[in-house]
């Protein structure tokens, strides 16, 4: 067994978590900068940055919050899914992706035995990719909570592409994560409203999980993000929460514990 958790931030929504010998990647976005993804007949979103590293070794498991948007699963990410042992994602994404993808609905769990002998439970959590009623526009999304049996390691919550709403509050009622990875950036691809957390949502999340460290991802590297790391830092500073905000250095393995 191991009492450490390591994370490597690759950019956008993509991180590698190393937990008890298991190497997990979230929402693989591995294409080079300049890649375009059409969102309408007349508009596209553009990847503005290369992944911080492409030499990341073997990935055992992918946690895919959804498959329908290029800033959460790009071309190279889709190729990665073909060689990983398992991908956990939404029901509709698993139907589209096939292969080793497993579809989940909120509050459904999958138990995985890690290489180091721990039992890791991954629970799908609710997510809403924008304001009320957005599902027909944005599609299904989930987040994930990771729990090691016996609480030998702290819980981790990955919000997925969501705004702050009652579903996030319900996660707080059921779980006590030490680390909350928020999908931030206030993404606005041809919409006047945000499809992911803005600074207000991030602050609400911090107060809803008062004992958690807040780790932003999904805030840089794509053309449709409208808020930056600086926006988050200023907002957390204004509320006296800056000590609870942790920005990950791109491309570097960081020990969370």
Protein backbone atom coordinates (compact mmCIF):
# COMPACT_ATOMS: atom_id res chain seq x y z
CA UNK A 1 0.00 0.00 0.00
CA UNK A 2 1.08 3.62 -0.53
CA UNK A 3 0.19 6.67 1.53
CA UNK A 4 0.94 9.20 -1.21
CA UNK A 5 -1.05 10.65 -4.08
CA UNK A 6 0.75 12.20 -7.03
CA UNK A 7 -0.76 14.35 -9.77
CA UNK A 8 0.61 15.65 -13.06
CA UNK A 9 -1.28 18.44 -14.81
CA UNK A 10 -1.07 18.25 -18.61
CA UNK A 11 -3.34 21.21 -19.43
CA UNK A 12 -7.05 21.83 -19.94
CA UNK A 13 -9.06 19.20 -18.01
CA UNK A 14 -6.30 16.60 -18.24
CA UNK A 15 -4.41 15.34 -15.20
CA UNK A 16 -2.71 12.08 -14.31
CA UNK A 17 -3.46 10.82 -10.81
CA UNK A 18 -1.21 8.16 -9.30
CA UNK A 19 -3.00 6.37 -6.48
CA UNK A 20 -1.74 3.12 -4.93
CA UNK A 21 0.14 2.16 -8.09
CA UNK A 22 -2.81 2.95 -10.39
CA UNK A 23 -2.27 5.63 -13.05
CA UNK A 24 -5.49 7.44 -13.93
CA UNK A 25 -5.99 10.12 -16.58
CA UNK A 26 -8.92 12.51 -16.67
CA UNK A 27 -10.50 13.79 -19.91
CA UNK A 28 -7.58 13.18 -22.32
CA UNK A 29 -6.80 16.29 -24.40
CA UNK A 30 -3.47 15.46 -26.01
CA UNK A 31 -3.62 17.15 -29.43
CA UNK A 32 -1.10 19.86 -30.38
CA UNK A 33 -1.94 23.55 -30.27
CA UNK A 34 -3.82 24.83 -33.30
CA UNK A 35 -6.23 21.90 -33.45
CA UNK A 36 -9.77 23.07 -34.25
CA UNK A 37 -13.08 21.53 -33.21
CA UNK A 38 -16.22 22.77 -34.99
CA UNK A 39 -19.11 23.72 -32.71
CA UNK A 40 -21.37 25.01 -35.49
CA UNK A 41 -21.35 25.44 -39.24
CA UNK A 42 -19.55 28.76 -38.81
CA UNK A 43 -17.48 28.51 -35.62
CA UNK A 44 -14.85 26.36 -33.92
CA UNK A 45 -12.98 26.21 -30.64
CA UNK A 46 -9.19 26.07 -30.87
CA UNK A 47 -6.60 24.37 -28.74
CA UNK A 48 -4.10 27.07 -27.84
CA UNK A 49 -1.43 25.04 -26.04
CA UNK A 50 0.38 21.75 -26.52
CA UNK A 51 -0.05 19.22 -23.70
CA UNK A 52 2.58 19.86 -21.05
CA UNK A 53 3.95 16.37 -21.74
CA UNK A 54 3.29 13.53 -24.13
CA UNK A 55 5.84 11.22 -22.51
CA UNK A 56 3.62 10.18 -19.62
CA UNK A 57 3.95 6.40 -19.73
CA UNK A 58 1.26 3.77 -19.32
CA UNK A 59 -2.23 4.84 -18.30
CA UNK A 60 -4.33 2.19 -16.56
CA UNK A 61 -7.69 3.93 -16.40
CA UNK A 62 -9.39 6.96 -17.94
CA UNK A 63 -12.09 8.93 -16.15
CA UNK A 64 -13.98 10.63 -18.96
CA UNK A 65 -16.62 13.13 -17.86
CA UNK A 66 -18.13 13.18 -21.36
CA UNK A 67 -17.11 12.48 -24.94
CA UNK A 68 -19.07 15.02 -26.98
CA UNK A 69 -16.77 18.05 -26.64
CA UNK A 70 -13.28 18.33 -28.09
CA UNK A 71 -11.91 20.19 -25.08
CA UNK A 72 -12.60 17.08 -22.97
CA UNK A 73 -11.75 14.37 -25.48
CA UNK A 74 -9.72 15.27 -28.55
CA UNK A 75 -8.34 13.19 -31.42
CA UNK A 76 -5.22 11.93 -29.62
CA UNK A 77 -7.34 11.32 -26.53
CA UNK A 78 -9.61 9.03 -28.52
CA UNK A 79 -6.58 7.06 -29.66
CA UNK A 80 -5.49 6.65 -26.05
CA UNK A 81 -8.88 5.15 -25.14
CA UNK A 82 -8.17 2.30 -27.57
CA UNK A 83 -5.20 1.07 -25.51
CA UNK A 84 -6.22 1.70 -21.88
CA UNK A 85 -7.71 -1.18 -19.93
CA UNK A 86 -10.85 0.70 -18.95
CA UNK A 87 -12.66 4.01 -19.42
CA UNK A 88 -15.41 5.11 -17.05
CA UNK A 89 -17.81 7.64 -18.54
CA UNK A 90 -21.48 8.47 -19.12
CA UNK A 91 -23.89 5.85 -20.43
CA UNK A 92 -24.33 7.58 -23.78
CA UNK A 93 -20.57 8.08 -24.19
CA UNK A 94 -19.93 4.38 -23.54
CA UNK A 95 -22.49 3.51 -26.23
CA UNK A 96 -20.73 5.77 -28.70
CA UNK A 97 -17.18 4.81 -27.79
CA UNK A 98 -17.65 1.05 -27.32
CA UNK A 99 -14.39 -0.80 -26.66
CA UNK A 100 -13.55 -1.03 -22.96
CA UNK A 101 -15.74 1.92 -21.98
CA UNK A 102 -18.14 1.44 -19.07
CA UNK A 103 -21.15 3.75 -18.75
CA UNK A 104 -22.18 5.09 -15.36
CA UNK A 105 -25.01 7.18 -13.95
CA UNK A 106 -24.73 9.46 -10.90
CA UNK A 107 -24.17 7.61 -7.62
CA UNK A 108 -23.24 4.37 -9.38
CA UNK A 109 -19.89 2.94 -8.26
CA UNK A 110 -17.15 0.75 -9.70
CA UNK A 111 -14.59 -0.98 -7.44
CA UNK A 112 -11.02 -1.45 -8.70
CA UNK A 113 -8.23 -3.41 -7.04
CA UNK A 114 -5.05 -1.34 -7.34
CA UNK A 115 -1.57 -2.73 -8.06
CA UNK A 116 -0.52 -1.90 -4.49
CA UNK A 117 -3.33 -3.90 -2.93
CA UNK A 118 -5.87 -1.19 -2.14
CA UNK A 119 -9.53 -1.26 -3.06
CA UNK A 120 -10.47 1.94 -4.92
CA UNK A 121 -14.15 2.84 -5.29
CA UNK A 122 -14.99 5.29 -8.08
CA UNK A 123 -18.43 6.85 -7.77
CA UNK A 124 -20.05 8.84 -10.58
CA UNK A 125 -21.43 12.19 -9.46
CA UNK A 126 -24.02 14.52 -10.97
CA UNK A 127 -22.91 17.42 -13.16
CA UNK A 128 -24.81 20.08 -15.09
CA UNK A 129 -22.93 21.58 -18.03
CA UNK A 130 -24.50 25.05 -17.75
CA UNK A 131 -27.76 26.61 -16.53
CA UNK A 132 -30.99 24.74 -15.83
CA UNK A 133 -32.30 23.02 -18.95
CA UNK A 134 -28.93 22.94 -20.72
CA UNK A 135 -28.86 19.16 -21.13
CA UNK A 136 -30.40 19.16 -24.62
CA UNK A 137 -27.74 21.65 -25.71
CA UNK A 138 -24.66 20.39 -23.88
CA UNK A 139 -25.42 16.70 -23.34
CA UNK A 140 -24.81 14.38 -20.40
CA UNK A 141 -21.84 14.89 -18.08
CA UNK A 142 -20.66 13.24 -14.87
CA UNK A 143 -17.99 13.83 -12.27
CA UNK A 144 -16.23 11.32 -10.04
CA UNK A 145 -15.36 10.72 -6.38
CA UNK A 146 -12.42 8.43 -5.61
CA UNK A 147 -12.39 6.60 -2.28
CA UNK A 148 -9.80 4.12 -1.02
CA UNK A 149 -11.20 1.41 1.27
CA UNK A 150 -10.54 1.99 4.93
CA UNK A 151 -9.91 5.68 4.27
CA UNK A 152 -6.19 4.97 4.10
CA UNK A 153 -6.01 7.80 1.56
CA UNK A 154 -8.20 10.92 1.38
CA UNK A 155 -11.14 11.20 -1.00
CA UNK A 156 -10.80 13.09 -4.27
CA UNK A 157 -13.68 14.78 -6.09
CA UNK A 158 -13.45 15.63 -9.80
CA UNK A 159 -16.39 17.90 -10.62
CA UNK A 160 -16.39 17.39 -14.38
CA UNK A 161 -17.77 20.13 -16.61
CA UNK A 162 -20.40 21.61 -14.33
CA UNK A 163 -21.58 24.84 -12.82
CA UNK A 164 -22.31 25.07 -9.12
CA UNK A 165 -25.81 23.75 -8.44
CA UNK A 166 -27.72 21.38 -6.16
CA UNK A 167 -25.92 18.33 -7.57
CA UNK A 168 -22.59 19.65 -6.26
CA UNK A 169 -24.20 20.28 -2.86
CA UNK A 170 -25.41 16.67 -2.84
CA UNK A 171 -21.84 15.46 -3.37
CA UNK A 172 -20.84 17.46 -0.28
CA UNK A 173 -23.65 15.83 1.70
CA UNK A 174 -22.43 12.34 0.82
CA UNK A 175 -18.64 12.68 0.70
CA UNK A 176 -15.84 14.54 2.45
CA UNK A 177 -13.08 14.93 -0.14
CA UNK A 178 -9.77 16.44 0.87
CA UNK A 179 -9.08 17.52 -2.72
CA UNK A 180 -11.68 19.00 -5.08
CA UNK A 181 -10.62 19.38 -8.71
CA UNK A 182 -12.93 22.02 -10.18
CA UNK A 183 -13.42 22.29 -13.93
CA UNK A 184 -13.23 26.06 -14.14
CA UNK A 185 -12.53 28.58 -16.92
CA UNK A 186 -16.14 29.83 -17.35
CA UNK A 187 -16.25 28.22 -20.80
CA UNK A 188 -18.40 30.19 -23.27
CA UNK A 189 -18.35 28.60 -26.74
CA UNK A 190 -20.79 30.87 -28.58
CA UNK A 191 -22.95 31.24 -25.45
CA UNK A 192 -23.54 34.28 -23.23
CA UNK A 193 -23.62 31.98 -20.20
CA UNK A 194 -20.90 29.80 -18.70
CA UNK A 195 -20.87 26.05 -19.28
CA UNK A 196 -18.26 25.41 -16.58
CA UNK A 197 -17.50 27.00 -13.23
CA UNK A 198 -16.78 30.71 -13.10
CA UNK A 199 -15.16 32.42 -10.11
CA UNK A 200 -18.51 32.71 -8.29
CA UNK A 201 -19.09 28.98 -8.69
CA UNK A 202 -15.56 28.25 -7.49
CA UNK A 203 -16.09 30.32 -4.34
CA UNK A 204 -19.43 28.62 -3.69
CA UNK A 205 -17.72 25.25 -4.09
CA UNK A 206 -14.99 26.23 -1.65
CA UNK A 207 -17.55 27.18 1.00
CA UNK A 208 -19.57 24.02 0.33
CA UNK A 209 -16.45 21.89 0.91
CA UNK A 210 -14.92 23.87 3.80
CA UNK A 211 -12.23 21.31 4.61
CA UNK A 212 -11.08 20.76 1.03
CA UNK A 213 -8.20 22.04 -1.03
CA UNK A 214 -9.55 23.45 -4.31
CA UNK A 215 -7.49 22.54 -7.39
CA UNK A 216 -8.57 24.23 -10.65
CA UNK A 217 -8.22 22.59 -14.05
CA UNK A 218 -9.91 23.37 -17.39
CA UNK A 219 -9.06 27.09 -17.27
CA UNK A 220 -6.31 27.52 -19.87
CA UNK A 221 -5.19 26.18 -23.22
CA UNK A 222 -8.45 26.59 -25.16
CA UNK A 223 -9.99 29.56 -26.95
CA UNK A 224 -13.40 29.49 -25.28
CA UNK A 225 -12.27 29.78 -21.66
CA UNK A 226 -13.21 33.25 -20.41
CA UNK A 227 -11.57 33.28 -16.95
CA UNK A 228 -7.96 32.64 -15.99
CA UNK A 229 -5.90 31.44 -13.05
CA UNK A 230 -5.44 35.09 -12.10
CA UNK A 231 -9.24 35.55 -11.93
CA UNK A 232 -9.51 32.63 -9.54
CA UNK A 233 -6.60 33.79 -7.39
CA UNK A 234 -8.03 37.30 -7.07
CA UNK A 235 -11.45 35.93 -6.15
CA UNK A 236 -10.14 33.51 -3.54
CA UNK A 237 -7.92 36.25 -2.15
CA UNK A 238 -10.86 38.62 -1.77
CA UNK A 239 -12.66 36.04 0.39
CA UNK A 240 -9.59 35.13 2.43
CA UNK A 241 -9.48 31.67 0.87
CA UNK A 242 -6.20 31.90 -1.04
CA UNK A 243 -4.54 29.30 1.23
CA UNK A 244 -7.12 26.75 0.07
CA UNK A 245 -6.48 27.31 -3.65
CA UNK A 246 -3.76 25.14 -5.17
CA UNK A 247 -2.55 25.75 -8.71
CA UNK A 248 -0.67 22.84 -10.27
CA UNK A 249 2.55 23.43 -12.23
CA UNK A 250 2.11 22.13 -15.77
CA UNK A 251 4.01 19.00 -16.66
CA UNK A 252 5.48 18.40 -13.20
CA UNK A 253 4.63 15.50 -10.93
CA UNK A 254 3.26 17.00 -7.74
CA UNK A 255 2.82 15.12 -4.49
CA UNK A 256 -0.55 16.00 -2.99
CA UNK A 257 0.21 14.06 0.17
